[in-house]
Amino acid sequence: MTTPSAAIRPAADPVSRTSLVQPSLRVMSMAVAMALSAAAPQLAAASNEAALPEVVVTGGSDQQTPTEKTVSYTVRKSNAATKMDMSLRETPQSVSVITRAKMDDFQLDNVDQVLAGTTGVTVEKVETNRTYYTARGFDITNFQFDGVGVPLTFGLQNGDLDTALYDRVEVVRGANGLTSSTGNPSATVNFVRKRPTYDFQASTGISYGSWNTRRIDADVSGALNDAKTVAARVVVAHEDGDSYLDRYQPGKNIFYGVIEANLSNDTLLTVGYSYQKNDGKGAIWGALPLYYTDGSPTHYGVGTSTSANWSSWNSEEQRAFAELNHRFSNDWQWKTTLSYNKLSTDGKLFYVYGTPDRVTGDGLFSYPSLYSSDNKQTVIDSYVNGKYSLGGRQHDVTIGASWSRSTLDDISHYGQGIGTPLTATGAFDGGYPEPSFDASIDGSAYTDKRKTLYGATRLNLADNLKLLLGANYTDASTTGIAYGVNHQTRASSTTPYAGLVYDLNRNVSAYASYTEIFNPQ
């Protein structure tokens, strides 16, 4: 009987074994030939014995294998787009994965560096401490941690987010309406944290670079008991240095701890906490003046800074999470995640505004202010996925729900002396005196809530044809006041998702997909 070619096509791209197999086959051939000549009489006597049936052994990597255990720049499985473990070929969207190996090889120590090298993503620094990420013409506002959506406030990353605690970063380009309840058609960035290992391992790194940048990090992991049912991991890092910008001295401290406990053979409890503090001494607020009064562009030195000697911009980010993962005996699993995140920022900042005269430099003015903010987020996500039989074939399905609540409280203390004229040199030498920040006060305080139901199924229509269908229902509300503007909104929407993947051969697939994204106003 002829075996259909589709049946022997691997589900994921195979790892080439040519360099490993061919030399061993040559050695085995010589050994077998020698053994046959020496054992010919015995083989002839046993010629009437029944032959053993052929045994075919197929190997593959564990879909949950962390990328730190490989030297690969890709992964076999990802669930960032659908919450179903699928190879990148099986996912009907454009996906990039930046693995631990690539981050180590290229010393990508912060997320700005990671995303700057990711296909289709642009990193836009507003100034020293605020960053926008864009894709396909839109700001990226959808971020996930281990597959659970945690949006950034205003789509901004405050501070220099370190990569020491992440195993990989996954980027799904385009609208991701199935797993992202709200957003735009830019991209979704999923940060996958490192997990404990049950065999002891430890590593450390020390580096010194341009502008006196010093970095040290350490990573220790292993089992906590002899039975190896409980394991823990700790990651720490410190970095500081100077900058090409006058007076700017960034620094950061990172801690990450995580514990895994196997409550049974099928139930895993994971609890983790991360902390990062960014210090930005001499941070810039806003851009330099762009034009002179005659309309010609300004030309400042590359190190020019508007910061004052007393300027600073600090942030403190804490993330705590707990996961309960249970596998049932029928290839189904249930996973529930609870996460709490808090981002606090404070800054004493000095902004220079106006349009200078090309000859005298006059026309610039001061704007000192003091800012602080607290952003808190609580997220619960729970889903089940597994397989079911229909029409003689196995199909995949995932069903879940999530709830989130985010609060933002920020306050602005405007300094005395706003609008003070500055000299051509006084605007950029850092010498502006620190004022009292009591001229006026403004701010915002509001709450966002999200309730989401989602589900999807992957239908195996044929050995080389898969159809993915799903939907996401989200109810979103916002209440509060932002700088004098009242916010009272509520909206809901159902977002469809459809994708078709056709395997042209064992190495190439074609796909088409359709989805929408919900952006409440």
Foldseek 3Di string as FASTA:
>chain_A
DDDDPLVPQDQFDDDDCVVPPVVVVVVVVVVVVVVCVVCVVVCVVCVPPDDDDDDDDDDDDDQPDQLVVDLDQAGQFDCLQPVDTGGPQVDQFDKGKGFPNNCVVVVVFFVLSVQCPDPQWDWDDQFDFKIFIWGPHDTDQWEAEQNATDGDVVSIDGHTHTLQFFRMKMKTAFDRVFSGVFDAGGIYIYTYGDDADAQWDKDKDWDADPQRKTKIKMKIKHAPDPVSQKIKIKIKMKIWGADLAPQWIKIKIKIKMKMWGNPDPFKIKIKMKMKMKMKIQQTADGDDDAAAPVGHGDDDDPRFGQWANRKIKMKMKMKIKMKMKGADPQFKIKMKMKMKMKMKMKIFYKDKDAHAHPPFRWTIWIWTKIKIKMKMKIKMKIKMKGWDDDPRDIKIKMKIKMKMKMKMWMKMQTFPRGGPIAGNPRSGPNHDDRGDRHPDMFFWIKMKIKIKIKMKMWDCPDSFKIKIWMKMKMKMFMAIDGRRRTGGDIDIDMKIKIKMWGDPDSPDIDMDIDIGHHHTD
